[in-house]
Amino acid sequence: EEEFDLPVLSNLSLVYYDKSILAFGGDYKTIYQSRDNGITWKTNKAYVMPKDFDYQVESVKAAVDEEDYIWLYCKLINRDKQVWRGRLNRLGWFYQ
């Protein structure tokens, strides 16, 4: 077991975001980031789940849109669904 391997995560969802790869899955309490195309994986305190995120989820699918928002489509264990959207603040500002 290597220190920077991505742990085995159930319902793994990967997205390319801000020149890196983000991994969501498992208990969804940790978001992993790879800046070297998946060779090493680390946590980054800039990436955290939403404050009111319901961790009783069956699955989460992640996507990124053209405005640099990360979308999380969550299917909860009780069959309800949630959708979350967020982004890094620095990606919301553009110099013209």
PDB file of N, CA and C in Angstrom:
ATOM      1  N   GLU A   1       0.849  -1.186   0.000  1.00  0.00           N
ATOM      2  CA  GLU A   1       0.000   0.000   0.000  1.00  0.00           C
ATOM      3  C   GLU A   1       0.887   1.239   0.000  1.00  0.00           C
ATOM      4  N   GLU A   2       0.736   2.037  -0.989  1.00  0.00           N
ATOM      5  CA  GLU A   2       1.512   3.263  -1.111  1.00  0.00           C
ATOM      6  C   GLU A   2       0.800   4.416  -0.413  1.00  0.00           C
ATOM      7  N   GLU A   3       1.585   5.362   0.079  1.00  0.00           N
ATOM      8  CA  GLU A   3       1.035   6.490   0.831  1.00  0.00           C
ATOM      9  C   GLU A   3       0.081   7.349   0.007  1.00  0.00           C
ATOM     10  N   PHE A   4       0.346   7.483  -1.287  1.00  0.00           N
ATOM     11  CA  PHE A   4      -0.460   8.384  -2.101  1.00  0.00           C
ATOM     12  C   PHE A   4      -1.328   7.680  -3.136  1.00  0.00           C
ATOM     13  N   ASP A   5      -1.617   6.397  -2.908  1.00  0.00           N
ATOM     14  CA  ASP A   5      -2.560   5.681  -3.775  1.00  0.00           C
ATOM     15  C   ASP A   5      -3.977   6.142  -3.475  1.00  0.00           C
ATOM     16  N   LEU A   6      -4.819   6.106  -4.482  1.00  0.00           N
ATOM     17  CA  LEU A   6      -6.236   6.379  -4.266  1.00  0.00           C
ATOM     18  C   LEU A   6      -6.837   5.163  -3.567  1.00  0.00           C
ATOM     19  N   PRO A   7      -7.486   5.358  -2.408  1.00  0.00           N
ATOM     20  CA  PRO A   7      -8.105   4.202  -1.759  1.00  0.00           C
ATOM     21  C   PRO A   7      -9.245   3.641  -2.610  1.00  0.00           C
ATOM     22  N   VAL A   8      -9.591   2.391  -2.357  1.00  0.00           N
ATOM     23  CA  VAL A   8     -10.722   1.784  -3.056  1.00  0.00           C
ATOM     24  C   VAL A   8     -11.985   2.506  -2.596  1.00  0.00           C
ATOM     25  N   LEU A   9     -12.703   3.109  -3.529  1.00  0.00           N
ATOM     26  CA  LEU A   9     -13.916   3.863  -3.222  1.00  0.00           C
ATOM     27  C   LEU A   9     -15.096   3.251  -3.970  1.00  0.00           C
ATOM     28  N   SER A  10     -16.146   2.898  -3.240  1.00  0.00           N
ATOM     29  CA  SER A  10     -17.355   2.430  -3.914  1.00  0.00           C
ATOM     30  C   SER A  10     -18.008   3.609  -4.621  1.00  0.00           C
ATOM     31  N   ASN A  11     -18.695   3.341  -5.695  1.00  0.00           N
ATOM     32  CA  ASN A  11     -19.404   4.369  -6.475  1.00  0.00           C
ATOM     33  C   ASN A  11     -18.482   5.519  -6.868  1.00  0.00           C
ATOM     34  N   LEU A  12     -17.300   5.193  -7.327  1.00  0.00           N
ATOM     35  CA  LEU A  12     -16.301   6.193  -7.697  1.00  0.00           C
ATOM     36  C   LEU A  12     -16.787   7.073  -8.844  1.00  0.00           C
ATOM     37  N   SER A  13     -16.596   8.373  -8.693  1.00  0.00           N
ATOM     38  CA  SER A  13     -16.893   9.340  -9.744  1.00  0.00           C
ATOM     39  C   SER A  13     -15.683  10.262  -9.862  1.00  0.00           C
ATOM     40  N   LEU A  14     -15.164  10.410 -11.083  1.00  0.00           N
ATOM     41  CA  LEU A  14     -13.993  11.248 -11.340  1.00  0.00           C
ATOM     42  C   LEU A  14     -14.379  12.404 -12.240  1.00  0.00           C
ATOM     43  N   VAL A  15     -13.810  13.587 -11.966  1.00  0.00           N
ATOM     44  CA  VAL A  15     -14.005  14.741 -12.849  1.00  0.00           C
ATOM     45  C   VAL A  15     -12.673  15.452 -13.028  1.00  0.00           C
ATOM     46  N   TYR A  16     -12.496  16.054 -14.190  1.00  0.00           N
ATOM     47  CA  TYR A  16     -11.337  16.902 -14.449  1.00  0.00           C
ATOM     48  C   TYR A  16     -11.724  18.316 -14.052  1.00  0.00           C
ATOM     49  N   TYR A  17     -10.941  18.914 -13.135  1.00  0.00           N
ATOM     50  CA  TYR A  17     -11.305  20.234 -12.608  1.00  0.00           C
ATOM     51  C   TYR A  17     -10.047  21.006 -12.252  1.00  0.00           C
ATOM     52  N   ASP A  18      -9.926  22.224 -12.759  1.00  0.00           N
ATOM     53  CA  ASP A  18      -8.815  23.127 -12.441  1.00  0.00           C
ATOM     54  C   ASP A  18      -7.466  22.432 -12.633  1.00  0.00           C
ATOM     55  N   LYS A  19      -7.277  21.829 -13.776  1.00  0.00           N
ATOM     56  CA  LYS A  19      -6.030  21.172 -14.164  1.00  0.00           C
ATOM     57  C   LYS A  19      -5.654  20.012 -13.249  1.00  0.00           C
ATOM     58  N   SER A  20      -6.648  19.346 -12.685  1.00  0.00           N
ATOM     59  CA  SER A  20      -6.408  18.167 -11.856  1.00  0.00           C
ATOM     60  C   SER A  20      -7.613  17.243 -11.951  1.00  0.00           C
ATOM     61  N   ILE A  21      -7.513  16.070 -11.331  1.00  0.00           N
ATOM     62  CA  ILE A  21      -8.618  15.117 -11.292  1.00  0.00           C
ATOM     63  C   ILE A  21      -9.113  15.045  -9.854  1.00  0.00           C
ATOM     64  N   LEU A  22     -10.427  15.112  -9.679  1.00  0.00           N
ATOM     65  CA  LEU A  22     -11.033  14.959  -8.366  1.00  0.00           C
ATOM     66  C   LEU A  22     -11.771  13.626  -8.319  1.00  0.00           C
ATOM     67  N   ALA A  23     -11.666  12.946  -7.175  1.00  0.00           N
ATOM     68  CA  ALA A  23     -12.321  11.650  -6.983  1.00  0.00           C
ATOM     69  C   ALA A  23     -13.309  11.740  -5.830  1.00  0.00           C
ATOM     70  N   PHE A  24     -14.542  11.307  -6.100  1.00  0.00           N
ATOM     71  CA  PHE A  24     -15.618  11.249  -5.110  1.00  0.00           C
ATOM     72  C   PHE A  24     -16.053   9.805  -4.987  1.00  0.00           C
ATOM     73  N   GLY A  25     -16.337   9.361  -3.773  1.00  0.00           N
ATOM     74  CA  GLY A  25     -16.836   7.999  -3.596  1.00  0.00           C
ATOM     75  C   GLY A  25     -16.686   7.541  -2.164  1.00  0.00           C
ATOM     76  N   GLY A  26     -16.961   6.262  -1.938  1.00  0.00           N
ATOM     77  CA  GLY A  26     -16.852   5.703  -0.587  1.00  0.00           C
ATOM     78  C   GLY A  26     -17.879   6.312   0.347  1.00  0.00           C
ATOM     79  N   ASP A  27     -17.419   6.882   1.448  1.00  0.00           N
ATOM     80  CA  ASP A  27     -18.328   7.528   2.398  1.00  0.00           C
ATOM     81  C   ASP A  27     -18.568   8.996   2.051  1.00  0.00           C
ATOM     82  N   TYR A  28     -17.915   9.488   1.013  1.00  0.00           N
ATOM     83  CA  TYR A  28     -18.056  10.857   0.488  1.00  0.00           C
ATOM     84  C   TYR A  28     -17.591  11.928   1.474  1.00  0.00           C
ATOM     85  N   LYS A  29     -16.885  11.556   2.516  1.00  0.00           N
ATOM     86  CA  LYS A  29     -16.406  12.551   3.479  1.00  0.00           C
ATOM     87  C   LYS A  29     -15.063  13.135   3.065  1.00  0.00           C
ATOM     88  N   THR A  30     -14.407  12.500   2.101  1.00  0.00           N
ATOM     89  CA  THR A  30     -13.108  12.971   1.633  1.00  0.00           C
ATOM     90  C   THR A  30     -13.127  13.073   0.119  1.00  0.00           C
ATOM     91  N   ILE A  31     -12.634  14.186  -0.392  1.00  0.00           N
ATOM     92  CA  ILE A  31     -12.461  14.370  -1.829  1.00  0.00           C
ATOM     93  C   ILE A  31     -10.956  14.260  -2.092  1.00  0.00           C
ATOM     94  N   TYR A  32     -10.586  13.402  -3.028  1.00  0.00           N
ATOM     95  CA  TYR A  32      -9.171  13.214  -3.354  1.00  0.00           C
ATOM     96  C   TYR A  32      -8.848  13.954  -4.647  1.00  0.00           C
ATOM     97  N   GLN A  33      -7.610  14.463  -4.724  1.00  0.00           N
ATOM     98  CA  GLN A  33      -7.169  15.223  -5.893  1.00  0.00           C
ATOM     99  C   GLN A  33      -5.855  14.648  -6.410  1.00  0.00           C
ATOM    100  N   SER A  34      -5.753  14.545  -7.735  1.00  0.00           N
ATOM    101  CA  SER A  34      -4.506  14.142  -8.385  1.00  0.00           C
ATOM    102  C   SER A  34      -4.109  15.245  -9.357  1.00  0.00           C
ATOM    103  N   ARG A  35      -2.905  15.736  -9.208  1.00  0.00           N
ATOM    104  CA  ARG A  35      -2.379  16.761 -10.126  1.00  0.00           C
ATOM    105  C   ARG A  35      -1.442  16.154 -11.171  1.00  0.00           C
ATOM    106  N   ASP A  36      -1.249  14.831 -11.108  1.00  0.00           N
ATOM    107  CA  ASP A  36      -0.340  14.176 -12.041  1.00  0.00           C
ATOM    108  C   ASP A  36      -1.032  13.030 -12.794  1.00  0.00           C
ATOM    109  N   ASN A  37      -2.270  13.260 -13.180  1.00  0.00           N
ATOM    110  CA  ASN A  37      -3.047  12.318 -13.988  1.00  0.00           C
ATOM    111  C   ASN A  37      -3.265  10.968 -13.327  1.00  0.00           C
ATOM    112  N   GLY A  38      -3.458  10.957 -12.020  1.00  0.00           N
ATOM    113  CA  GLY A  38      -3.833   9.741 -11.326  1.00  0.00           C
ATOM    114  C   GLY A  38      -2.703   8.940 -10.728  1.00  0.00           C
ATOM    115  N   ILE A  39      -1.472   9.428 -10.782  1.00  0.00           N
ATOM    116  CA  ILE A  39      -0.359   8.684 -10.193  1.00  0.00           C
ATOM    117  C   ILE A  39      -0.376   8.815  -8.677  1.00  0.00           C
ATOM    118  N   THR A  40      -0.532  10.038  -8.173  1.00  0.00           N
ATOM    119  CA  THR A  40      -0.619  10.261  -6.729  1.00  0.00           C
ATOM    120  C   THR A  40      -1.919  10.980  -6.404  1.00  0.00           C
ATOM    121  N   TRP A  41      -2.459  10.678  -5.233  1.00  0.00           N
ATOM    122  CA  TRP A  41      -3.731  11.248  -4.783  1.00  0.00           C
ATOM    123  C   TRP A  41      -3.553  11.814  -3.385  1.00  0.00           C
ATOM    124  N   LYS A  42      -4.033  13.033  -3.197  1.00  0.00           N
ATOM    125  CA  LYS A  42      -3.940  13.698  -1.900  1.00  0.00           C
ATOM    126  C   LYS A  42      -5.253  14.422  -1.627  1.00  0.00           C
ATOM    127  N   THR A  43      -5.442  14.810  -0.371  1.00  0.00           N
ATOM    128  CA  THR A  43      -6.574  15.670  -0.041  1.00  0.00           C
ATOM    129  C   THR A  43      -6.114  17.114  -0.179  1.00  0.00           C
ATOM    130  N   ASN A  44      -7.068  17.997  -0.385  1.00  0.00           N
ATOM    131  CA  ASN A  44      -6.788  19.420  -0.524  1.00  0.00           C
ATOM    132  C   ASN A  44      -7.895  20.139   0.235  1.00  0.00           C
ATOM    133  N   LYS A  45      -7.548  20.968   1.217  1.00  0.00           N
ATOM    134  CA  LYS A  45      -8.570  21.599   2.046  1.00  0.00           C
ATOM    135  C   LYS A  45      -9.473  22.554   1.268  1.00  0.00           C
ATOM    136  N   ALA A  46      -9.136  22.855   0.026  1.00  0.00           N
ATOM    137  CA  ALA A  46     -10.017  23.687  -0.805  1.00  0.00           C
ATOM    138  C   ALA A  46     -11.243  22.904  -1.271  1.00  0.00           C
ATOM    139  N   TYR A  47     -11.149  21.568  -1.252  1.00  0.00           N
ATOM    140  CA  TYR A  47     -12.244  20.732  -1.723  1.00  0.00           C
ATOM    141  C   TYR A  47     -12.878  20.004  -0.540  1.00  0.00           C
ATOM    142  N   VAL A  48     -14.058  20.450  -0.169  1.00  0.00           N
ATOM    143  CA  VAL A  48     -14.826  19.826   0.910  1.00  0.00           C
ATOM    144  C   VAL A  48     -16.265  19.668   0.437  1.00  0.00           C
ATOM    145  N   MET A  49     -16.957  18.730   1.049  1.00  0.00           N
ATOM    146  CA  MET A  49     -18.362  18.530   0.705  1.00  0.00           C
ATOM    147  C   MET A  49     -19.179  19.695   1.272  1.00  0.00           C
ATOM    148  N   PRO A  50     -20.353  19.970   0.687  1.00  0.00           N
ATOM    149  CA  PRO A  50     -21.206  21.061   1.180  1.00  0.00           C
ATOM    150  C   PRO A  50     -21.551  20.880   2.662  1.00  0.00           C
ATOM    151  N   LYS A  51     -21.730  21.987   3.344  1.00  0.00           N
ATOM    152  CA  LYS A  51     -22.002  21.984   4.786  1.00  0.00           C
ATOM    153  C   LYS A  51     -23.199  21.104   5.148  1.00  0.00           C
ATOM    154  N   ASP A  52     -24.278  21.170   4.413  1.00  0.00           N
ATOM    155  CA  ASP A  52     -25.493  20.422   4.725  1.00  0.00           C
ATOM    156  C   ASP A  52     -25.634  19.130   3.912  1.00  0.00           C
ATOM    157  N   PHE A  53     -24.533  18.602   3.408  1.00  0.00           N
ATOM    158  CA  PHE A  53     -24.563  17.385   2.605  1.00  0.00           C
ATOM    159  C   PHE A  53     -25.087  16.222   3.443  1.00  0.00           C
ATOM    160  N   ASP A  54     -26.008  15.454   2.889  1.00  0.00           N
ATOM    161  CA  ASP A  54     -26.574  14.285   3.570  1.00  0.00           C
ATOM    162  C   ASP A  54     -25.722  13.071   3.205  1.00  0.00           C
ATOM    163  N   TYR A  55     -24.972  12.550   4.181  1.00  0.00           N
ATOM    164  CA  TYR A  55     -24.054  11.447   3.921  1.00  0.00           C
ATOM    165  C   TYR A  55     -24.744  10.087   3.812  1.00  0.00           C
ATOM    166  N   GLN A  56     -26.055  10.038   3.955  1.00  0.00           N
ATOM    167  CA  GLN A  56     -26.803   8.790   3.781  1.00  0.00           C
ATOM    168  C   GLN A  56     -27.146   8.637   2.296  1.00  0.00           C
ATOM    169  N   VAL A  57     -26.096   8.535   1.474  1.00  0.00           N
ATOM    170  CA  VAL A  57     -26.286   8.475   0.028  1.00  0.00           C
ATOM    171  C   VAL A  57     -26.017   7.080  -0.496  1.00  0.00           C
ATOM    172  N   GLU A  58     -26.733   6.765  -1.547  1.00  0.00           N
ATOM    173  CA  GLU A  58     -26.519   5.513  -2.256  1.00  0.00           C
ATOM    174  C   GLU A  58     -25.453   5.700  -3.321  1.00  0.00           C
ATOM    175  N   SER A  59     -25.500   6.862  -3.987  1.00  0.00           N
ATOM    176  CA  SER A  59     -24.500   7.165  -5.007  1.00  0.00           C
ATOM    177  C   SER A  59     -24.454   8.668  -5.264  1.00  0.00           C
ATOM    178  N   VAL A  60     -23.312   9.101  -5.779  1.00  0.00           N
ATOM    179  CA  VAL A  60     -23.106  10.493  -6.175  1.00  0.00           C
ATOM    180  C   VAL A  60     -22.435  10.479  -7.540  1.00  0.00           C
ATOM    181  N   LYS A  61     -22.980  11.245  -8.456  1.00  0.00           N
ATOM    182  CA  LYS A  61     -22.354  11.419  -9.762  1.00  0.00           C
ATOM    183  C   LYS A  61     -21.891  12.864  -9.847  1.00  0.00           C
ATOM    184  N   ALA A  62     -20.658  13.054 -10.259  1.00  0.00           N
ATOM    185  CA  ALA A  62     -20.079  14.394 -10.336  1.00  0.00           C
ATOM    186  C   ALA A  62     -19.903  14.794 -11.794  1.00  0.00           C
ATOM    187  N   ALA A  63     -20.042  16.094 -12.053  1.00  0.00           N
ATOM    188  CA  ALA A  63     -19.838  16.644 -13.392  1.00  0.00           C
ATOM    189  C   ALA A  63     -19.326  18.072 -13.242  1.00  0.00           C
ATOM    190  N   VAL A  64     -18.703  18.578 -14.297  1.00  0.00           N
ATOM    191  CA  VAL A  64     -18.201  19.954 -14.325  1.00  0.00           C
ATOM    192  C   VAL A  64     -18.771  20.624 -15.567  1.00  0.00           C
ATOM    193  N   ASP A  65     -19.268  21.857 -15.403  1.00  0.00           N
ATOM    194  CA  ASP A  65     -19.817  22.558 -16.560  1.00  0.00           C
ATOM    195  C   ASP A  65     -18.830  23.590 -17.108  1.00  0.00           C
ATOM    196  N   GLU A  66     -19.237  24.283 -18.174  1.00  0.00           N
ATOM    197  CA  GLU A  66     -18.356  25.233 -18.868  1.00  0.00           C
ATOM    198  C   GLU A  66     -18.055  26.490 -18.041  1.00  0.00           C
ATOM    199  N   GLU A  67     -18.765  26.705 -16.948  1.00  0.00           N
ATOM    200  CA  GLU A  67     -18.504  27.855 -16.071  1.00  0.00           C
ATOM    201  C   GLU A  67     -17.713  27.437 -14.826  1.00  0.00           C
ATOM    202  N   ASP A  68     -17.096  26.279 -14.884  1.00  0.00           N
ATOM    203  CA  ASP A  68     -16.258  25.736 -13.803  1.00  0.00           C
ATOM    204  C   ASP A  68     -17.015  25.423 -12.520  1.00  0.00           C
ATOM    205  N   TYR A  69     -18.288  25.079 -12.628  1.00  0.00           N
ATOM    206  CA  TYR A  69     -19.038  24.606 -11.474  1.00  0.00           C
ATOM    207  C   TYR A  69     -18.929  23.089 -11.400  1.00  0.00           C
ATOM    208  N   ILE A  70     -18.760  22.579 -10.191  1.00  0.00           N
ATOM    209  CA  ILE A  70     -18.843  21.149  -9.944  1.00  0.00           C
ATOM    210  C   ILE A  70     -20.284  20.858  -9.547  1.00  0.00           C
ATOM    211  N   TRP A  71     -20.906  19.906 -10.205  1.00  0.00           N
ATOM    212  CA  TRP A  71     -22.276  19.496  -9.898  1.00  0.00           C
ATOM    213  C   TRP A  71     -22.224  18.111  -9.269  1.00  0.00           C
ATOM    214  N   LEU A  72     -22.938  17.928  -8.172  1.00  0.00           N
ATOM    215  CA  LEU A  72     -23.068  16.621  -7.538  1.00  0.00           C
ATOM    216  C   LEU A  72     -24.526  16.198  -7.580  1.00  0.00           C
ATOM    217  N   TYR A  73     -24.798  15.099  -8.247  1.00  0.00           N
ATOM    218  CA  TYR A  73     -26.143  14.539  -8.346  1.00  0.00           C
ATOM    219  C   TYR A  73     -26.209  13.368  -7.371  1.00  0.00           C
ATOM    220  N   CYS A  74     -26.952  13.521  -6.304  1.00  0.00           N
ATOM    221  CA  CYS A  74     -26.954  12.554  -5.205  1.00  0.00           C
ATOM    222  C   CYS A  74     -28.261  11.780  -5.155  1.00  0.00           C
ATOM    223  N   LYS A  75     -28.138  10.452  -5.069  1.00  0.00           N
ATOM    224  CA  LYS A  75     -29.295   9.594  -4.832  1.00  0.00           C
ATOM    225  C   LYS A  75     -29.185   9.119  -3.388  1.00  0.00           C
ATOM    226  N   LEU A  76     -30.132   9.529  -2.553  1.00  0.00           N
ATOM    227  CA  LEU A  76     -30.101   9.195  -1.142  1.00  0.00           C
ATOM    228  C   LEU A  76     -30.663   7.801  -0.903  1.00  0.00           C
ATOM    229  N   ILE A  77     -30.300   7.207   0.221  1.00  0.00           N
ATOM    230  CA  ILE A  77     -30.755   5.857   0.561  1.00  0.00           C
ATOM    231  C   ILE A  77     -32.276   5.800   0.648  1.00  0.00           C
ATOM    232  N   ASN A  78     -32.917   6.881   1.127  1.00  0.00           N
ATOM    233  CA  ASN A  78     -34.379   6.887   1.252  1.00  0.00           C
ATOM    234  C   ASN A  78     -35.073   7.225  -0.070  1.00  0.00           C
ATOM    235  N   ARG A  79     -34.315   7.181  -1.178  1.00  0.00           N
ATOM    236  CA  ARG A  79     -34.827   7.388  -2.537  1.00  0.00           C
ATOM    237  C   ARG A  79     -35.007   8.858  -2.931  1.00  0.00           C
ATOM    238  N   ASP A  80     -34.801   9.795  -1.994  1.00  0.00           N
ATOM    239  CA  ASP A  80     -34.820  11.206  -2.380  1.00  0.00           C
ATOM    240  C   ASP A  80     -33.565  11.510  -3.183  1.00  0.00           C
ATOM    241  N   LYS A  81     -33.557  12.668  -3.816  1.00  0.00           N
ATOM    242  CA  LYS A  81     -32.395  13.102  -4.592  1.00  0.00           C
ATOM    243  C   LYS A  81     -32.021  14.507  -4.171  1.00  0.00           C
ATOM    244  N   GLN A  82     -30.748  14.817  -4.282  1.00  0.00           N
ATOM    245  CA  GLN A  82     -30.241  16.163  -4.037  1.00  0.00           C
ATOM    246  C   GLN A  82     -29.298  16.519  -5.165  1.00  0.00           C
ATOM    247  N   VAL A  83     -29.234  17.811  -5.471  1.00  0.00           N
ATOM    248  CA  VAL A  83     -28.281  18.313  -6.449  1.00  0.00           C
ATOM    249  C   VAL A  83     -27.541  19.478  -5.792  1.00  0.00           C
ATOM    250  N   TRP A  84     -26.221  19.423  -5.860  1.00  0.00           N
ATOM    251  CA  TRP A  84     -25.381  20.475  -5.300  1.00  0.00           C
ATOM    252  C   TRP A  84     -24.525  21.063  -6.412  1.00  0.00           C
ATOM    253  N   ARG A  85     -24.211  22.361  -6.265  1.00  0.00           N
ATOM    254  CA  ARG A  85     -23.357  23.033  -7.243  1.00  0.00           C
ATOM    255  C   ARG A  85     -22.401  23.940  -6.492  1.00  0.00           C
ATOM    256  N   GLY A  86     -21.139  23.941  -6.876  1.00  0.00           N
ATOM    257  CA  GLY A  86     -20.157  24.822  -6.250  1.00  0.00           C
ATOM    258  C   GLY A  86     -18.924  24.941  -7.123  1.00  0.00           C
ATOM    259  N   ARG A  87     -18.097  25.915  -6.805  1.00  0.00           N
ATOM    260  CA  ARG A  87     -16.829  26.066  -7.523  1.00  0.00           C
ATOM    261  C   ARG A  87     -15.846  26.824  -6.657  1.00  0.00           C
ATOM    262  N   LEU A  88     -14.595  26.768  -7.050  1.00  0.00           N
ATOM    263  CA  LEU A  88     -13.581  27.572  -6.388  1.00  0.00           C
ATOM    264  C   LEU A  88     -13.819  29.034  -6.734  1.00  0.00           C
ATOM    265  N   ASN A  89     -13.773  29.908  -5.750  1.00  0.00           N
ATOM    266  CA  ASN A  89     -14.036  31.323  -5.996  1.00  0.00           C
ATOM    267  C   ASN A  89     -13.119  31.913  -7.055  1.00  0.00           C
ATOM    268  N   ARG A  90     -11.847  31.555  -7.036  1.00  0.00           N
ATOM    269  CA  ARG A  90     -10.913  32.155  -7.999  1.00  0.00           C
ATOM    270  C   ARG A  90     -11.257  31.803  -9.445  1.00  0.00           C
ATOM    271  N   LEU A  91     -12.020  30.732  -9.662  1.00  0.00           N
ATOM    272  CA  LEU A  91     -12.418  30.375 -11.025  1.00  0.00           C
ATOM    273  C   LEU A  91     -13.658  31.141 -11.478  1.00  0.00           C
ATOM    274  N   GLY A  92     -14.260  31.906 -10.585  1.00  0.00           N
ATOM    275  CA  GLY A  92     -15.430  32.692 -10.931  1.00  0.00           C
ATOM    276  C   GLY A  92     -15.098  34.083 -11.440  1.00  0.00           C
ATOM    277  N   TRP A  93     -13.830  34.445 -11.386  1.00  0.00           N
ATOM    278  CA  TRP A  93     -13.396  35.765 -11.825  1.00  0.00           C
ATOM    279  C   TRP A  93     -12.551  35.625 -13.081  1.00  0.00           C
ATOM    280  N   PHE A  94     -12.842  36.459 -14.067  1.00  0.00           N
ATOM    281  CA  PHE A  94     -12.126  36.382 -15.337  1.00  0.00           C
ATOM    282  C   PHE A  94     -11.555  37.745 -15.677  1.00  0.00           C
ATOM    283  N   TYR A  95     -10.304  37.748 -16.109  1.00  0.00           N
ATOM    284  CA  TYR A  95      -9.654  38.978 -16.549  1.00  0.00           C
ATOM    285  C   TYR A  95      -9.848  39.112 -18.045  1.00  0.00           C
ATOM    286  N   GLN A  96     -10.326  40.269 -18.473  1.00  0.00           N
ATOM    287  CA  GLN A  96     -10.557  40.517 -19.906  1.00  0.00           C
ATOM    288  C   GLN A  96      -9.521  41.463 -20.451  1.00  0.00           C
TER     289      GLN A  96
END
